[in-house]
Amino acid sequence: MRERTRQDAQPGFVLHSYPYRESSLIVEAITRDHGRVALMARGARRPKSALRGILLPFQPLLLSWSGRSELRTLTRAEWQGAYRPLTGQALICGFYLNELLLKLTARDDPHEQLFQSYQETLAVLGQGADQSPVLRRFEMSLLRELGYAVILDRDVERGEPVARESDYVYVLERGPVRAAAAPPSGVELSGQTLLDMQSGNFSRAATQQQSKQLMRTLINHCLGDQVLHTRQLLRDLQEL
């Protein structure tokens, strides 16, 4: 039998919650040292519960729990000060981040760098920054932490550095190949875009457009049959 474990004051964020039985909640949270965890918040929906109004997305918390199963019992949640609230499209972007973490990370698989990237991304979104570069950087951080090596700086066919003036096709599970030598399927993009992504520079309109297409393709590959509902919502909003 597994020993009962206890964790106190772990930095974390609520990704999603839903009702459980008459007055409780099941909370999916991302934490710094334990990765994604599932917590049962007993009585959290009762009017006088100390947890009521605290278990909200995009707010830094200190979470304490106990238990030996995959679903632990939340024993305490402490609010650690508010981030600037996300509104409008930035709010949808925040839910997009949460959906990525819910669908692409495993429970109890720690990723401290990914947690830090998530924190920083929420803060920047709250400041009203251009959302496209912010999302691309987070997506790249997520894929890197999942062990998916996104090669951007070399032609995997020739073993040569990417040339900014050349055109390439990004081949899934391989990387960039000169367009003339590439198979018919893949994402077309310029060498300049690849080098911009490598350096984290998304100022060019072409880089923003091509990097968005590349990251969408790579994430779809990782998702398999899973659907990102927030991505469709963002698309619908942009068409209004």
C-alpha atoms as a PDB file:
ATOM      1  CA  MET A   1       0.000   0.000   0.000  1.00  0.00           C
ATOM      2  CA  ARG A   2       1.294   3.469  -0.906  1.00  0.00           C
ATOM      3  CA  GLU A   3       2.106   5.738   2.007  1.00  0.00           C
ATOM      4  CA  ARG A   4      -0.107   8.722   2.621  1.00  0.00           C
ATOM      5  CA  THR A   5       1.735  11.825   1.464  1.00  0.00           C
ATOM      6  CA  ARG A   6       1.422  15.432   2.478  1.00  0.00           C
ATOM      7  CA  GLN A   7       2.541  18.556   0.647  1.00  0.00           C
ATOM      8  CA  ASP A   8       2.490  22.022   2.222  1.00  0.00           C
ATOM      9  CA  ALA A   9       2.509  25.472   0.605  1.00  0.00           C
ATOM     10  CA  GLN A  10       3.307  24.443  -2.958  1.00  0.00           C
ATOM     11  CA  PRO A  11       3.231  27.338  -5.479  1.00  0.00           C
ATOM     12  CA  GLY A  12       0.566  26.654  -8.061  1.00  0.00           C
ATOM     13  CA  PHE A  13      -2.238  27.849 -10.323  1.00  0.00           C
ATOM     14  CA  VAL A  14      -5.712  26.463 -10.962  1.00  0.00           C
ATOM     15  CA  LEU A  15      -6.074  25.276 -14.551  1.00  0.00           C
ATOM     16  CA  HIS A  16      -9.648  24.011 -14.361  1.00  0.00           C
ATOM     17  CA  SER A  17     -12.250  23.021 -11.778  1.00  0.00           C
ATOM     18  CA  TYR A  18     -15.637  21.352 -11.871  1.00  0.00           C
ATOM     19  CA  PRO A  19     -18.327  20.423  -9.317  1.00  0.00           C
ATOM     20  CA  TYR A  20     -18.038  17.195  -7.376  1.00  0.00           C
ATOM     21  CA  ARG A  21     -20.932  15.781  -5.378  1.00  0.00           C
ATOM     22  CA  GLU A  22     -23.116  18.340  -3.558  1.00  0.00           C
ATOM     23  CA  SER A  23     -20.626  20.926  -2.357  1.00  0.00           C
ATOM     24  CA  SER A  24     -17.104  20.024  -3.449  1.00  0.00           C
ATOM     25  CA  LEU A  25     -14.846  20.736  -6.418  1.00  0.00           C
ATOM     26  CA  ILE A  26     -12.304  18.756  -8.373  1.00  0.00           C
ATOM     27  CA  VAL A  27      -9.406  21.082  -9.159  1.00  0.00           C
ATOM     28  CA  GLU A  28      -6.742  20.502 -11.801  1.00  0.00           C
ATOM     29  CA  ALA A  29      -3.717  22.597 -10.858  1.00  0.00           C
ATOM     30  CA  ILE A  30      -0.222  23.166 -12.187  1.00  0.00           C
ATOM     31  CA  THR A  31       2.415  23.301  -9.453  1.00  0.00           C
ATOM     32  CA  ARG A  32       6.081  24.199  -9.398  1.00  0.00           C
ATOM     33  CA  ASP A  33       7.557  21.016  -7.935  1.00  0.00           C
ATOM     34  CA  HIS A  34       4.920  18.372  -8.670  1.00  0.00           C
ATOM     35  CA  GLY A  35       3.636  19.310 -12.114  1.00  0.00           C
ATOM     36  CA  ARG A  36      -0.074  18.869 -12.774  1.00  0.00           C
ATOM     37  CA  VAL A  37      -2.084  17.506  -9.854  1.00  0.00           C
ATOM     38  CA  ALA A  38      -5.746  16.659  -9.280  1.00  0.00           C
ATOM     39  CA  LEU A  39      -7.163  17.865  -5.961  1.00  0.00           C
ATOM     40  CA  MET A  40     -10.534  17.378  -4.291  1.00  0.00           C
ATOM     41  CA  ALA A  41     -11.624  20.564  -2.514  1.00  0.00           C
ATOM     42  CA  ARG A  42     -14.157  19.347   0.031  1.00  0.00           C
ATOM     43  CA  GLY A  43     -17.028  21.757   0.660  1.00  0.00           C
ATOM     44  CA  ALA A  44     -15.462  24.449  -1.538  1.00  0.00           C
ATOM     45  CA  ARG A  45     -18.861  25.452  -2.954  1.00  0.00           C
ATOM     46  CA  ARG A  46     -20.436  26.064   0.442  1.00  0.00           C
ATOM     47  CA  PRO A  47     -21.184  29.768   1.101  1.00  0.00           C
ATOM     48  CA  LYS A  48     -18.931  29.936   4.175  1.00  0.00           C
ATOM     49  CA  SER A  49     -16.071  27.807   2.852  1.00  0.00           C
ATOM     50  CA  ALA A  50     -12.588  29.312   3.261  1.00  0.00           C
ATOM     51  CA  LEU A  51     -11.832  28.057  -0.260  1.00  0.00           C
ATOM     52  CA  ARG A  52     -14.778  29.805  -1.905  1.00  0.00           C
ATOM     53  CA  GLY A  53     -13.572  32.553  -4.242  1.00  0.00           C
ATOM     54  CA  ILE A  54      -9.917  31.519  -3.990  1.00  0.00           C
ATOM     55  CA  LEU A  55      -9.705  28.601  -6.424  1.00  0.00           C
ATOM     56  CA  LEU A  56      -9.747  30.770  -9.545  1.00  0.00           C
ATOM     57  CA  PRO A  57      -7.579  30.551 -12.681  1.00  0.00           C
ATOM     58  CA  PHE A  58      -4.649  32.906 -13.296  1.00  0.00           C
ATOM     59  CA  GLN A  59      -4.073  33.736  -9.623  1.00  0.00           C
ATOM     60  CA  PRO A  60      -0.899  32.613  -7.786  1.00  0.00           C
ATOM     61  CA  LEU A  61      -1.674  30.294  -4.876  1.00  0.00           C
ATOM     62  CA  LEU A  62       0.077  28.237  -2.238  1.00  0.00           C
ATOM     63  CA  LEU A  63      -1.600  24.832  -2.261  1.00  0.00           C
ATOM     64  CA  SER A  64      -1.435  22.173   0.458  1.00  0.00           C
ATOM     65  CA  TRP A  65      -2.778  18.643   0.087  1.00  0.00           C
ATOM     66  CA  SER A  66      -2.640  15.105   1.420  1.00  0.00           C
ATOM     67  CA  GLY A  67      -3.456  11.634   0.117  1.00  0.00           C
ATOM     68  CA  ARG A  68      -1.933   8.613  -1.556  1.00  0.00           C
ATOM     69  CA  SER A  69      -4.094   8.275  -4.683  1.00  0.00           C
ATOM     70  CA  GLU A  70      -3.961  10.238  -7.938  1.00  0.00           C
ATOM     71  CA  LEU A  71      -6.788  12.398  -6.566  1.00  0.00           C
ATOM     72  CA  ARG A  72      -5.508  14.082  -3.409  1.00  0.00           C
ATOM     73  CA  THR A  73      -7.438  16.100  -0.852  1.00  0.00           C
ATOM     74  CA  LEU A  74      -6.807  19.842  -0.838  1.00  0.00           C
ATOM     75  CA  THR A  75      -6.255  20.957   2.753  1.00  0.00           C
ATOM     76  CA  ARG A  76      -5.405  24.638   2.261  1.00  0.00           C
ATOM     77  CA  ALA A  77      -5.173  27.285  -0.459  1.00  0.00           C
ATOM     78  CA  GLU A  78      -3.564  30.663   0.186  1.00  0.00           C
ATOM     79  CA  TRP A  79      -3.842  33.572  -2.202  1.00  0.00           C
ATOM     80  CA  GLN A  80      -0.459  35.101  -3.043  1.00  0.00           C
ATOM     81  CA  GLY A  81      -1.520  38.455  -4.500  1.00  0.00           C
ATOM     82  CA  ALA A  82      -3.289  39.241  -7.733  1.00  0.00           C
ATOM     83  CA  TYR A  83      -1.869  39.330 -11.217  1.00  0.00           C
ATOM     84  CA  ARG A  84      -3.266  42.050 -13.429  1.00  0.00           C
ATOM     85  CA  PRO A  85      -6.605  40.568 -14.553  1.00  0.00           C
ATOM     86  CA  LEU A  86      -6.839  39.109 -18.037  1.00  0.00           C
ATOM     87  CA  THR A  87      -9.640  40.582 -20.101  1.00  0.00           C
ATOM     88  CA  GLY A  88     -10.987  40.229 -23.629  1.00  0.00           C
ATOM     89  CA  GLN A  89      -8.827  38.231 -26.014  1.00  0.00           C
ATOM     90  CA  ALA A  90      -6.002  38.015 -23.446  1.00  0.00           C
ATOM     91  CA  LEU A  91      -8.389  36.059 -21.215  1.00  0.00           C
ATOM     92  CA  ILE A  92      -9.064  33.572 -24.012  1.00  0.00           C
ATOM     93  CA  CYS A  93      -5.289  33.292 -24.509  1.00  0.00           C
ATOM     94  CA  GLY A  94      -4.966  32.437 -20.817  1.00  0.00           C
ATOM     95  CA  PHE A  95      -7.517  29.657 -21.146  1.00  0.00           C
ATOM     96  CA  TYR A  96      -5.630  28.460 -24.237  1.00  0.00           C
ATOM     97  CA  LEU A  97      -2.481  28.068 -22.119  1.00  0.00           C
ATOM     98  CA  ASN A  98      -4.470  26.150 -19.514  1.00  0.00           C
ATOM     99  CA  GLU A  99      -5.971  23.836 -22.115  1.00  0.00           C
ATOM    100  CA  LEU A 100      -2.532  23.087 -23.545  1.00  0.00           C
ATOM    101  CA  LEU A 101      -1.238  22.150 -20.091  1.00  0.00           C
ATOM    102  CA  LEU A 102      -4.285  20.002 -19.343  1.00  0.00           C
ATOM    103  CA  LYS A 103      -4.051  18.055 -22.594  1.00  0.00           C
ATOM    104  CA  LEU A 104      -0.300  17.788 -23.124  1.00  0.00           C
ATOM    105  CA  THR A 105       1.193  17.322 -19.651  1.00  0.00           C
ATOM    106  CA  ALA A 106       0.961  14.200 -17.514  1.00  0.00           C
ATOM    107  CA  ARG A 107      -0.054  14.312 -13.884  1.00  0.00           C
ATOM    108  CA  ASP A 108       2.733  14.238 -11.301  1.00  0.00           C
ATOM    109  CA  ASP A 109       5.387  15.035 -13.911  1.00  0.00           C
ATOM    110  CA  PRO A 110       7.322  18.087 -12.651  1.00  0.00           C
ATOM    111  CA  HIS A 111       8.470  20.781 -15.095  1.00  0.00           C
ATOM    112  CA  GLU A 112       9.830  23.696 -13.081  1.00  0.00           C
ATOM    113  CA  GLN A 113      10.945  25.632 -16.179  1.00  0.00           C
ATOM    114  CA  LEU A 114       7.520  25.213 -17.760  1.00  0.00           C
ATOM    115  CA  PHE A 115       5.867  26.451 -14.556  1.00  0.00           C
ATOM    116  CA  GLN A 116       8.089  29.528 -14.635  1.00  0.00           C
ATOM    117  CA  SER A 117       7.301  30.099 -18.307  1.00  0.00           C
ATOM    118  CA  TYR A 118       3.567  29.869 -17.522  1.00  0.00           C
ATOM    119  CA  GLN A 119       3.929  32.422 -14.699  1.00  0.00           C
ATOM    120  CA  GLU A 120       5.819  34.841 -16.907  1.00  0.00           C
ATOM    121  CA  THR A 121       3.392  34.414 -19.798  1.00  0.00           C
ATOM    122  CA  LEU A 122       0.377  35.253 -17.606  1.00  0.00           C
ATOM    123  CA  ALA A 123       2.132  38.372 -16.326  1.00  0.00           C
ATOM    124  CA  VAL A 124       2.969  39.577 -19.846  1.00  0.00           C
ATOM    125  CA  LEU A 125      -0.550  38.886 -21.144  1.00  0.00           C
ATOM    126  CA  GLY A 126      -1.924  40.973 -18.270  1.00  0.00           C
ATOM    127  CA  GLN A 127       0.237  43.889 -19.350  1.00  0.00           C
ATOM    128  CA  GLY A 128      -1.464  44.044 -22.750  1.00  0.00           C
ATOM    129  CA  ALA A 129       1.513  42.830 -24.779  1.00  0.00           C
ATOM    130  CA  ASP A 130       1.187  41.653 -28.379  1.00  0.00           C
ATOM    131  CA  GLN A 131      -0.292  38.197 -27.885  1.00  0.00           C
ATOM    132  CA  SER A 132       1.125  36.344 -30.892  1.00  0.00           C
ATOM    133  CA  PRO A 133       4.819  36.440 -29.846  1.00  0.00           C
ATOM    134  CA  VAL A 134       3.849  35.646 -26.243  1.00  0.00           C
ATOM    135  CA  LEU A 135       1.933  32.531 -27.276  1.00  0.00           C
ATOM    136  CA  ARG A 136       4.658  31.345 -29.657  1.00  0.00           C
ATOM    137  CA  ARG A 137       7.309  31.566 -26.939  1.00  0.00           C
ATOM    138  CA  PHE A 138       5.144  29.611 -24.511  1.00  0.00           C
ATOM    139  CA  GLU A 139       4.330  26.948 -27.114  1.00  0.00           C
ATOM    140  CA  MET A 140       8.036  26.498 -27.847  1.00  0.00           C
ATOM    141  CA  SER A 141       8.800  26.228 -24.129  1.00  0.00           C
ATOM    142  CA  LEU A 142       6.033  23.640 -23.714  1.00  0.00           C
ATOM    143  CA  LEU A 143       7.244  21.454 -26.593  1.00  0.00           C
ATOM    144  CA  ARG A 144      10.828  21.660 -25.336  1.00  0.00           C
ATOM    145  CA  GLU A 145       9.765  20.534 -21.848  1.00  0.00           C
ATOM    146  CA  LEU A 146       7.750  17.674 -23.343  1.00  0.00           C
ATOM    147  CA  GLY A 147      10.915  16.434 -25.027  1.00  0.00           C
ATOM    148  CA  TYR A 148       9.919  17.451 -28.545  1.00  0.00           C
ATOM    149  CA  ALA A 149      13.073  18.979 -30.035  1.00  0.00           C
ATOM    150  CA  VAL A 150      12.058  21.816 -32.360  1.00  0.00           C
ATOM    151  CA  ILE A 151      15.117  22.197 -34.624  1.00  0.00           C
ATOM    152  CA  LEU A 152      15.314  25.685 -36.094  1.00  0.00           C
ATOM    153  CA  ASP A 153      18.943  26.457 -36.848  1.00  0.00           C
ATOM    154  CA  ARG A 154      20.069  23.734 -39.245  1.00  0.00           C
ATOM    155  CA  ASP A 155      19.021  21.891 -42.373  1.00  0.00           C
ATOM    156  CA  VAL A 156      18.501  18.332 -41.116  1.00  0.00           C
ATOM    157  CA  GLU A 157      19.025  16.885 -44.605  1.00  0.00           C
ATOM    158  CA  ARG A 158      22.399  18.512 -45.288  1.00  0.00           C
ATOM    159  CA  GLY A 159      23.553  19.131 -41.728  1.00  0.00           C
ATOM    160  CA  GLU A 160      24.228  22.752 -42.635  1.00  0.00           C
ATOM    161  CA  PRO A 161      23.226  25.967 -40.809  1.00  0.00           C
ATOM    162  CA  VAL A 162      19.945  27.475 -41.992  1.00  0.00           C
ATOM    163  CA  ALA A 163      20.466  30.245 -44.555  1.00  0.00           C
ATOM    164  CA  ARG A 164      18.213  33.234 -43.967  1.00  0.00           C
ATOM    165  CA  GLU A 165      17.730  33.886 -47.705  1.00  0.00           C
ATOM    166  CA  SER A 166      16.635  30.284 -48.494  1.00  0.00           C
ATOM    167  CA  ASP A 167      13.196  28.647 -48.327  1.00  0.00           C
ATOM    168  CA  TYR A 168      12.530  25.538 -46.254  1.00  0.00           C
ATOM    169  CA  VAL A 169       9.881  22.974 -45.441  1.00  0.00           C
ATOM    170  CA  TYR A 170       9.568  21.827 -41.821  1.00  0.00           C
ATOM    171  CA  VAL A 171       9.045  18.060 -41.862  1.00  0.00           C
ATOM    172  CA  LEU A 172       7.317  16.555 -38.840  1.00  0.00           C
ATOM    173  CA  GLU A 173       9.611  14.593 -36.501  1.00  0.00           C
ATOM    174  CA  ARG A 174      12.631  15.715 -38.502  1.00  0.00           C
ATOM    175  CA  GLY A 175      13.030  19.463 -38.908  1.00  0.00           C
ATOM    176  CA  PRO A 176      13.796  21.989 -41.673  1.00  0.00           C
ATOM    177  CA  VAL A 177      14.753  20.782 -45.135  1.00  0.00           C
ATOM    178  CA  ARG A 178      15.598  22.963 -48.144  1.00  0.00           C
ATOM    179  CA  ALA A 179      12.375  23.416 -50.117  1.00  0.00           C
ATOM    180  CA  ALA A 180      13.872  21.966 -53.302  1.00  0.00           C
ATOM    181  CA  ALA A 181      14.770  18.706 -51.540  1.00  0.00           C
ATOM    182  CA  ALA A 182      11.741  18.447 -49.241  1.00  0.00           C
ATOM    183  CA  PRO A 183       8.877  15.924 -49.420  1.00  0.00           C
ATOM    184  CA  PRO A 184       5.486  17.270 -50.552  1.00  0.00           C
ATOM    185  CA  SER A 185       4.047  17.537 -47.024  1.00  0.00           C
ATOM    186  CA  GLY A 186       5.242  19.952 -44.370  1.00  0.00           C
ATOM    187  CA  VAL A 187       5.122  23.612 -43.357  1.00  0.00           C
ATOM    188  CA  GLU A 188       6.718  26.068 -45.754  1.00  0.00           C
ATOM    189  CA  LEU A 189       8.720  28.873 -44.179  1.00  0.00           C
ATOM    190  CA  SER A 190      11.752  31.025 -44.844  1.00  0.00           C
ATOM    191  CA  GLY A 191      15.202  30.705 -43.369  1.00  0.00           C
ATOM    192  CA  GLN A 192      14.701  34.172 -41.896  1.00  0.00           C
ATOM    193  CA  THR A 193      11.645  32.942 -39.986  1.00  0.00           C
ATOM    194  CA  LEU A 194      13.528  29.932 -38.635  1.00  0.00           C
ATOM    195  CA  LEU A 195      16.381  32.130 -37.401  1.00  0.00           C
ATOM    196  CA  ASP A 196      13.939  34.667 -35.956  1.00  0.00           C
ATOM    197  CA  MET A 197      12.224  31.897 -33.998  1.00  0.00           C
ATOM    198  CA  GLN A 198      15.571  30.562 -32.815  1.00  0.00           C
ATOM    199  CA  SER A 199      16.448  33.992 -31.388  1.00  0.00           C
ATOM    200  CA  GLY A 200      12.934  34.702 -30.064  1.00  0.00           C
ATOM    201  CA  ASN A 201      12.407  37.657 -32.420  1.00  0.00           C
ATOM    202  CA  PHE A 202       8.812  37.801 -33.694  1.00  0.00           C
ATOM    203  CA  SER A 203       8.771  41.415 -34.885  1.00  0.00           C
ATOM    204  CA  ARG A 204       8.403  40.581 -38.608  1.00  0.00           C
ATOM    205  CA  ALA A 205       4.842  40.044 -39.837  1.00  0.00           C
ATOM    206  CA  ALA A 206       6.005  37.116 -41.994  1.00  0.00           C
ATOM    207  CA  THR A 207       7.694  35.499 -38.997  1.00  0.00           C
ATOM    208  CA  GLN A 208       4.521  35.834 -36.932  1.00  0.00           C
ATOM    209  CA  GLN A 209       2.382  34.252 -39.635  1.00  0.00           C
ATOM    210  CA  GLN A 210       4.753  31.404 -40.514  1.00  0.00           C
ATOM    211  CA  SER A 211       5.667  30.599 -36.913  1.00  0.00           C
ATOM    212  CA  LYS A 212       1.970  30.425 -36.019  1.00  0.00           C
ATOM    213  CA  GLN A 213       1.413  27.857 -38.767  1.00  0.00           C
ATOM    214  CA  LEU A 214       4.445  25.828 -37.714  1.00  0.00           C
ATOM    215  CA  MET A 215       3.548  25.754 -34.018  1.00  0.00           C
ATOM    216  CA  ARG A 216      -0.070  24.879 -34.795  1.00  0.00           C
ATOM    217  CA  THR A 217       1.110  21.915 -36.885  1.00  0.00           C
ATOM    218  CA  LEU A 218       3.551  20.686 -34.235  1.00  0.00           C
ATOM    219  CA  ILE A 219       1.018  21.002 -31.413  1.00  0.00           C
ATOM    220  CA  ASN A 220      -1.674  19.258 -33.453  1.00  0.00           C
ATOM    221  CA  HIS A 221       0.792  16.412 -33.973  1.00  0.00           C
ATOM    222  CA  CYS A 222       1.323  16.140 -30.206  1.00  0.00           C
ATOM    223  CA  LEU A 223      -2.408  16.358 -29.482  1.00  0.00           C
ATOM    224  CA  GLY A 224      -3.352  13.526 -31.800  1.00  0.00           C
ATOM    225  CA  ASP A 225      -7.158  13.265 -31.787  1.00  0.00           C
ATOM    226  CA  GLN A 226      -7.656  15.823 -29.022  1.00  0.00           C
ATOM    227  CA  VAL A 227      -9.319  19.134 -29.969  1.00  0.00           C
ATOM    228  CA  LEU A 228      -8.340  22.543 -28.586  1.00  0.00           C
ATOM    229  CA  HIS A 229     -11.636  24.329 -27.961  1.00  0.00           C
ATOM    230  CA  THR A 230     -10.003  27.646 -27.051  1.00  0.00           C
ATOM    231  CA  ARG A 231      -8.161  27.749 -30.382  1.00  0.00           C
ATOM    232  CA  GLN A 232     -11.488  27.562 -32.231  1.00  0.00           C
ATOM    233  CA  LEU A 233     -12.919  30.267 -29.959  1.00  0.00           C
ATOM    234  CA  LEU A 234      -9.978  32.568 -30.742  1.00  0.00           C
ATOM    235  CA  ARG A 235     -10.456  31.918 -34.440  1.00  0.00           C
ATOM    236  CA  ASP A 236     -14.172  32.720 -34.226  1.00  0.00           C
ATOM    237  CA  LEU A 237     -13.503  35.965 -32.352  1.00  0.00           C
ATOM    238  CA  GLN A 238     -10.984  37.110 -34.959  1.00  0.00           C
ATOM    239  CA  GLU A 239     -13.578  36.579 -37.698  1.00  0.00           C
ATOM    240  CA  LEU A 240     -16.249  38.740 -36.032  1.00  0.00           C
END
